[in-house]
Every structure is written in structure tokens, then in C-alpha cells.
Amino acid sequence: MKEFAADAQTLKIRKDPLLGGTSVFNPELKDKAQIFFGSCNQELIDNLV
């Protein structure tokens, strides 16, 4: 969201030649989960391991 300004995003569309399935990947949304879950606490993970 760029304050309601026009924005272009590149989509990658891939077709599986064996199964015939199609997938769509948007590289701009690769970190979208951080919006909902936040970044991980690496120190906590290291202590738990």
C-alpha cells in the first residue's frame, strides 16, 4: 500500500508438465506472514533447542 498510488507487481506463473497444475507466485508477498505473526524470536528458539 503506497497511500493509494498505483503499484505494479510481477507474478510468476508456472505450469507443472507432469501433473498439469498451475501455481502463481508473487515475490512481493514472500514476507506477508510477518504482518500477522511478526518476526521470529531467534534467541528464544536457540534457548529452546
PDB file of N, CA and C in Angstrom:
ATOM      1  N   MET A   1       0.841  -1.164   0.000  1.00  0.00           N
ATOM      2  CA  MET A   1       0.000   0.000   0.000  1.00  0.00           C
ATOM      3  C   MET A   1       0.895   1.239   0.000  1.00  0.00           C
ATOM      4  N   LYS A   2       0.810   1.970  -1.038  1.00  0.00           N
ATOM      5  CA  LYS A   2       1.617   3.179  -1.166  1.00  0.00           C
ATOM      6  C   LYS A   2       0.709   4.397  -1.176  1.00  0.00           C
ATOM      7  N   GLU A   3      -0.089   4.526  -0.121  1.00  0.00           N
ATOM      8  CA  GLU A   3      -1.018   5.641   0.035  1.00  0.00           C
ATOM      9  C   GLU A   3      -1.915   5.802  -1.181  1.00  0.00           C
ATOM     10  N   PHE A   4      -2.485   4.702  -1.624  1.00  0.00           N
ATOM     11  CA  PHE A   4      -3.460   4.642  -2.712  1.00  0.00           C
ATOM     12  C   PHE A   4      -2.890   5.008  -4.080  1.00  0.00           C
ATOM     13  N   ALA A   5      -1.564   5.013  -4.216  1.00  0.00           N
ATOM     14  CA  ALA A   5      -0.927   5.261  -5.512  1.00  0.00           C
ATOM     15  C   ALA A   5      -0.914   3.961  -6.310  1.00  0.00           C
ATOM     16  N   ALA A   6      -0.879   4.090  -7.612  1.00  0.00           N
ATOM     17  CA  ALA A   6      -0.827   2.906  -8.469  1.00  0.00           C
ATOM     18  C   ALA A   6       0.474   2.153  -8.226  1.00  0.00           C
ATOM     19  N   ASP A   7       0.381   0.826  -8.213  1.00  0.00           N
ATOM     20  CA  ASP A   7       1.545  -0.003  -7.951  1.00  0.00           C
ATOM     21  C   ASP A   7       1.479  -1.219  -8.860  1.00  0.00           C
ATOM     22  N   ALA A   8       2.612  -1.634  -9.394  1.00  0.00           N
ATOM     23  CA  ALA A   8       2.671  -2.816 -10.262  1.00  0.00           C
ATOM     24  C   ALA A   8       3.444  -3.915  -9.550  1.00  0.00           C
ATOM     25  N   GLN A   9       2.944  -5.141  -9.653  1.00  0.00           N
ATOM     26  CA  GLN A   9       3.626  -6.291  -9.080  1.00  0.00           C
ATOM     27  C   GLN A   9       3.784  -7.351 -10.160  1.00  0.00           C
ATOM     28  N   THR A  10       4.906  -8.040 -10.125  1.00  0.00           N
ATOM     29  CA  THR A  10       5.190  -9.074 -11.110  1.00  0.00           C
ATOM     30  C   THR A  10       4.779 -10.428 -10.557  1.00  0.00           C
ATOM     31  N   LEU A  11       3.998 -11.168 -11.309  1.00  0.00           N
ATOM     32  CA  LEU A  11       3.587 -12.506 -10.931  1.00  0.00           C
ATOM     33  C   LEU A  11       4.357 -13.526 -11.750  1.00  0.00           C
ATOM     34  N   LYS A  12       4.705 -14.631 -11.107  1.00  0.00           N
ATOM     35  CA  LYS A  12       5.340 -15.734 -11.820  1.00  0.00           C
ATOM     36  C   LYS A  12       4.322 -16.866 -11.893  1.00  0.00           C
ATOM     37  N   ILE A  13       3.986 -17.279 -13.090  1.00  0.00           N
ATOM     38  CA  ILE A  13       3.015 -18.343 -13.291  1.00  0.00           C
ATOM     39  C   ILE A  13       3.754 -19.554 -13.830  1.00  0.00           C
ATOM     40  N   ARG A  14       3.595 -20.679 -13.131  1.00  0.00           N
ATOM     41  CA  ARG A  14       4.299 -21.894 -13.511  1.00  0.00           C
ATOM     42  C   ARG A  14       3.305 -23.023 -13.713  1.00  0.00           C
ATOM     43  N   LYS A  15       3.512 -23.798 -14.757  1.00  0.00           N
ATOM     44  CA  LYS A  15       2.663 -24.952 -15.023  1.00  0.00           C
ATOM     45  C   LYS A  15       3.490 -26.218 -14.877  1.00  0.00           C
ATOM     46  N   ASP A  16       2.994 -27.153 -14.093  1.00  0.00           N
ATOM     47  CA  ASP A  16       3.660 -28.426 -13.885  1.00  0.00           C
ATOM     48  C   ASP A  16       3.411 -29.312 -15.098  1.00  0.00           C
ATOM     49  N   PRO A  17       4.463 -29.719 -15.820  1.00  0.00           N
ATOM     50  CA  PRO A  17       4.262 -30.515 -17.026  1.00  0.00           C
ATOM     51  C   PRO A  17       3.789 -31.947 -16.740  1.00  0.00           C
ATOM     52  N   LEU A  18       4.059 -32.455 -15.549  1.00  0.00           N
ATOM     53  CA  LEU A  18       3.660 -33.832 -15.228  1.00  0.00           C
ATOM     54  C   LEU A  18       2.220 -33.920 -14.726  1.00  0.00           C
ATOM     55  N   LEU A  19       1.865 -33.046 -13.808  1.00  0.00           N
ATOM     56  CA  LEU A  19       0.538 -33.119 -13.197  1.00  0.00           C
ATOM     57  C   LEU A  19      -0.458 -32.143 -13.818  1.00  0.00           C
ATOM     58  N   GLY A  20       0.045 -31.164 -14.577  1.00  0.00           N
ATOM     59  CA  GLY A  20      -0.848 -30.211 -15.225  1.00  0.00           C
ATOM     60  C   GLY A  20      -1.335 -29.094 -14.331  1.00  0.00           C
ATOM     61  N   GLY A  21      -0.853 -29.043 -13.097  1.00  0.00           N
ATOM     62  CA  GLY A  21      -1.272 -27.992 -12.177  1.00  0.00           C
ATOM     63  C   GLY A  21      -0.594 -26.673 -12.484  1.00  0.00           C
ATOM     64  N   THR A  22      -1.229 -25.588 -12.078  1.00  0.00           N
ATOM     65  CA  THR A  22      -0.686 -24.255 -12.285  1.00  0.00           C
ATOM     66  C   THR A  22      -0.533 -23.573 -10.937  1.00  0.00           C
ATOM     67  N   SER A  23       0.609 -22.912 -10.730  1.00  0.00           N
ATOM     68  CA  SER A  23       0.821 -22.163  -9.498  1.00  0.00           C
ATOM     69  C   SER A  23       1.179 -20.731  -9.841  1.00  0.00           C
ATOM     70  N   VAL A  24       0.761 -19.821  -8.972  1.00  0.00           N
ATOM     71  CA  VAL A  24       1.032 -18.402  -9.150  1.00  0.00           C
ATOM     72  C   VAL A  24       1.821 -17.939  -7.933  1.00  0.00           C
ATOM     73  N   PHE A  25       2.955 -17.285  -8.179  1.00  0.00           N
ATOM     74  CA  PHE A  25       3.826 -16.812  -7.115  1.00  0.00           C
ATOM     75  C   PHE A  25       4.028 -15.315  -7.260  1.00  0.00           C
ATOM     76  N   ASN A  26       3.816 -14.582  -6.179  1.00  0.00           N
ATOM     77  CA  ASN A  26       4.032 -13.144  -6.158  1.00  0.00           C
ATOM     78  C   ASN A  26       5.202 -12.876  -5.211  1.00  0.00           C
ATOM     79  N   PRO A  27       6.398 -12.569  -5.740  1.00  0.00           N
ATOM     80  CA  PRO A  27       7.565 -12.342  -4.882  1.00  0.00           C
ATOM     81  C   PRO A  27       7.383 -11.182  -3.902  1.00  0.00           C
ATOM     82  N   GLU A  28       6.498 -10.245  -4.198  1.00  0.00           N
ATOM     83  CA  GLU A  28       6.264  -9.116  -3.306  1.00  0.00           C
ATOM     84  C   GLU A  28       5.604  -9.560  -1.995  1.00  0.00           C
ATOM     85  N   LEU A  29       4.953 -10.712  -1.988  1.00  0.00           N
ATOM     86  CA  LEU A  29       4.225 -11.171  -0.805  1.00  0.00           C
ATOM     87  C   LEU A  29       4.969 -12.248  -0.032  1.00  0.00           C
ATOM     88  N   LYS A  30       6.274 -12.425  -0.298  1.00  0.00           N
ATOM     89  CA  LYS A  30       7.015 -13.502   0.349  1.00  0.00           C
ATOM     90  C   LYS A  30       7.096 -13.333   1.867  1.00  0.00           C
ATOM     91  N   ASP A  31       7.024 -12.111   2.372  1.00  0.00           N
ATOM     92  CA  ASP A  31       7.096 -11.867   3.812  1.00  0.00           C
ATOM     93  C   ASP A  31       5.745 -11.478   4.401  1.00  0.00           C
ATOM     94  N   LYS A  32       4.665 -11.830   3.730  1.00  0.00           N
ATOM     95  CA  LYS A  32       3.323 -11.432   4.168  1.00  0.00           C
ATOM     96  C   LYS A  32       2.971 -12.020   5.535  1.00  0.00           C
ATOM     97  N   ALA A  33       3.458 -13.206   5.850  1.00  0.00           N
ATOM     98  CA  ALA A  33       3.126 -13.830   7.126  1.00  0.00           C
ATOM     99  C   ALA A  33       3.621 -12.999   8.309  1.00  0.00           C
ATOM    100  N   GLN A  34       4.690 -12.230   8.125  1.00  0.00           N
ATOM    101  CA  GLN A  34       5.197 -11.400   9.214  1.00  0.00           C
ATOM    102  C   GLN A  34       4.199 -10.324   9.625  1.00  0.00           C
ATOM    103  N   ILE A  35       3.312  -9.943   8.729  1.00  0.00           N
ATOM    104  CA  ILE A  35       2.284  -8.962   9.077  1.00  0.00           C
ATOM    105  C   ILE A  35       1.390  -9.531  10.180  1.00  0.00           C
ATOM    106  N   PHE A  36       1.070 -10.821  10.086  1.00  0.00           N
ATOM    107  CA  PHE A  36       0.156 -11.448  11.032  1.00  0.00           C
ATOM    108  C   PHE A  36       0.864 -12.021  12.252  1.00  0.00           C
ATOM    109  N   PHE A  37       2.045 -12.632  12.046  1.00  0.00           N
ATOM    110  CA  PHE A  37       2.719 -13.359  13.126  1.00  0.00           C
ATOM    111  C   PHE A  37       3.921 -12.625  13.703  1.00  0.00           C
ATOM    112  N   GLY A  38       4.401 -11.580  13.049  1.00  0.00           N
ATOM    113  CA  GLY A  38       5.599 -10.876  13.496  1.00  0.00           C
ATOM    114  C   GLY A  38       6.842 -11.673  13.137  1.00  0.00           C
ATOM    115  N   SER A  39       7.984 -11.109  13.448  1.00  0.00           N
ATOM    116  CA  SER A  39       9.233 -11.822  13.159  1.00  0.00           C
ATOM    117  C   SER A  39       9.517 -12.806  14.287  1.00  0.00           C
ATOM    118  N   CYS A  40      10.326 -13.800  13.997  1.00  0.00           N
ATOM    119  CA  CYS A  40      10.610 -14.822  15.000  1.00  0.00           C
ATOM    120  C   CYS A  40      11.614 -14.302  16.026  1.00  0.00           C
ATOM    121  N   ASN A  41      11.547 -14.854  17.204  1.00  0.00           N
ATOM    122  CA  ASN A  41      12.477 -14.516  18.283  1.00  0.00           C
ATOM    123  C   ASN A  41      13.589 -15.557  18.254  1.00  0.00           C
ATOM    124  N   GLN A  42      14.684 -15.254  17.565  1.00  0.00           N
ATOM    125  CA  GLN A  42      15.757 -16.227  17.372  1.00  0.00           C
ATOM    126  C   GLN A  42      16.406 -16.621  18.694  1.00  0.00           C
ATOM    127  N   GLU A  43      16.501 -15.703  19.643  1.00  0.00           N
ATOM    128  CA  GLU A  43      17.092 -16.028  20.945  1.00  0.00           C
ATOM    129  C   GLU A  43      16.243 -17.070  21.680  1.00  0.00           C
ATOM    130  N   LEU A  44      14.937 -16.936  21.642  1.00  0.00           N
ATOM    131  CA  LEU A  44      14.054 -17.908  22.270  1.00  0.00           C
ATOM    132  C   LEU A  44      14.202 -19.280  21.602  1.00  0.00           C
ATOM    133  N   ILE A  45      14.267 -19.313  20.297  1.00  0.00           N
ATOM    134  CA  ILE A  45      14.420 -20.581  19.581  1.00  0.00           C
ATOM    135  C   ILE A  45      15.733 -21.248  19.958  1.00  0.00           C
ATOM    136  N   ASP A  46      16.810 -20.474  20.024  1.00  0.00           N
ATOM    137  CA  ASP A  46      18.108 -21.036  20.414  1.00  0.00           C
ATOM    138  C   ASP A  46      18.072 -21.600  21.824  1.00  0.00           C
ATOM    139  N   ASN A  47      17.380 -20.912  22.752  1.00  0.00           N
ATOM    140  CA  ASN A  47      17.278 -21.422  24.134  1.00  0.00           C
ATOM    141  C   ASN A  47      16.450 -22.697  24.202  1.00  0.00           C
ATOM    142  N   LEU A  48      15.399 -22.788  23.394  1.00  0.00           N
ATOM    143  CA  LEU A  48      14.567 -23.986  23.412  1.00  0.00           C
ATOM    144  C   LEU A  48      15.287 -25.190  22.827  1.00  0.00           C
ATOM    145  N   VAL A  49      16.148 -24.950  21.843  1.00  0.00           N
ATOM    146  CA  VAL A  49      16.906 -26.042  21.201  1.00  0.00           C
ATOM    147  C   VAL A  49      17.943 -26.515  22.191  1.00  0.00           C
TER     148      VAL A  49
END
